[in-house]
Every structure is written in C-alpha cells, then in structure tokens.
C-alpha cells in the first residue's frame, strides 16, 4: 500500500488513527496545501547506547586539515 498523504488539518483531527497506522508499520506523509512537509514514522529506540571513541584508530586527520590556502580565501571574499 502506498504511503497515505494527509493534510495538516486532517492529521490534527485524526492523529490517534494515524499513529495506529504507523504502529502497524505504515508511514504517513503530512502535507500543507497538497505539498508534503513531514513524514510520520514509527519510533525505534537505539538498541545500545552510543559509546564514545568507536572510531578511534580507524580515522586519521591530516595535521594541516584546518589550513586554508590564501587563494581560496580570496575567492570566497570576492
């Protein structure tokens, strides 16, 4: 089934019903004047908390990563 598109007014009026559909696995697109502006999807919590440092040793940052050539700065200031 295609994701239903509902106007904001309808979404406000029938929010409980729309949430029931989302809980069953559907996604609902919310539109303003027929233009999609938001998507209502099921919430999935993280299975494990984030642990800092997981990328340690996998990523290298060059020593000069924050040095910008003068010519490039001049190009942006024109």
Protein backbone atom coordinates (compact mmCIF):
# COMPACT_ATOMS: atom_id res chain seq x y z
CA UNK A 1 0.00 0.00 0.00
CA UNK A 2 1.29 3.47 -0.86
CA UNK A 3 2.03 5.83 1.97
CA UNK A 4 -1.08 7.94 2.60
CA UNK A 5 -0.79 11.70 2.22
CA UNK A 6 -2.96 13.73 4.59
CA UNK A 7 -3.44 17.45 5.00
CA UNK A 8 -2.31 19.01 8.29
CA UNK A 9 -5.92 19.73 9.33
CA UNK A 10 -6.89 16.09 8.79
CA UNK A 11 -3.74 14.92 10.60
CA UNK A 12 -4.61 17.06 13.63
CA UNK A 13 -8.17 15.76 13.65
CA UNK A 14 -7.22 12.08 13.24
CA UNK A 15 -3.81 11.93 14.91
CA UNK A 16 -4.71 8.90 17.06
CA UNK A 17 -5.81 6.92 13.99
CA UNK A 18 -2.71 7.91 12.07
CA UNK A 19 -0.50 6.83 14.96
CA UNK A 20 -2.26 3.45 14.99
CA UNK A 21 -1.42 3.03 11.30
CA UNK A 22 2.20 3.94 11.98
CA UNK A 23 2.34 1.39 14.80
CA UNK A 24 1.20 -1.24 12.29
CA UNK A 25 4.13 -0.35 10.03
CA UNK A 26 2.71 2.29 7.70
CA UNK A 27 4.25 5.69 7.09
CA UNK A 28 2.06 8.79 6.78
CA UNK A 29 3.06 11.85 4.78
CA UNK A 30 1.67 15.12 6.12
CA UNK A 31 1.10 17.88 3.58
CA UNK A 32 0.37 21.60 3.66
CA UNK A 33 -1.79 22.68 0.70
CA UNK A 34 -1.01 19.38 -1.03
CA UNK A 35 2.77 19.79 -0.67
CA UNK A 36 4.45 17.12 1.52
CA UNK A 37 6.20 18.71 4.51
CA UNK A 38 6.63 15.91 7.07
CA UNK A 39 6.63 12.15 7.46
CA UNK A 40 5.14 10.31 10.44
CA UNK A 41 7.08 7.09 11.04
CA UNK A 42 7.42 4.53 13.80
CA UNK A 43 9.90 5.32 16.56
CA UNK A 44 12.70 2.84 17.10
CA UNK A 45 14.89 3.33 20.14
CA UNK A 46 18.57 2.57 19.97
CA UNK A 47 19.42 -0.99 20.83
CA UNK A 48 22.56 0.09 22.69
CA UNK A 49 23.76 3.44 23.99
CA UNK A 50 26.38 5.25 21.96
CA UNK A 51 29.92 4.70 23.12
CA UNK A 52 32.48 7.46 22.53
CA UNK A 53 35.66 6.52 20.73
CA UNK A 54 34.34 3.75 18.48
CA UNK A 55 36.20 5.25 15.50
CA UNK A 56 39.47 5.73 17.42
CA UNK A 57 42.30 4.30 15.34
CA UNK A 58 40.14 3.99 12.21
CA UNK A 59 40.19 7.62 11.08
CA UNK A 60 43.25 9.77 10.54
CA UNK A 61 43.06 13.56 10.40
CA UNK A 62 45.83 15.28 8.50
CA UNK A 63 47.92 17.71 10.54
CA UNK A 64 47.06 20.53 8.12
CA UNK A 65 43.33 19.81 7.81
CA UNK A 66 42.38 23.28 9.04
CA UNK A 67 44.83 25.27 6.91
CA UNK A 68 43.10 27.10 4.07
CA UNK A 69 45.19 28.35 1.14
CA UNK A 70 45.16 32.17 0.83
CA UNK A 71 43.95 31.97 -2.76
CA UNK A 72 40.87 30.06 -1.72
CA UNK A 73 40.01 32.60 0.98
CA UNK A 74 40.35 35.40 -1.58
CA UNK A 75 37.96 33.58 -3.93
CA UNK A 76 35.29 33.49 -1.23
CA UNK A 77 35.73 37.16 -0.32
CA UNK A 78 35.04 38.46 -3.83
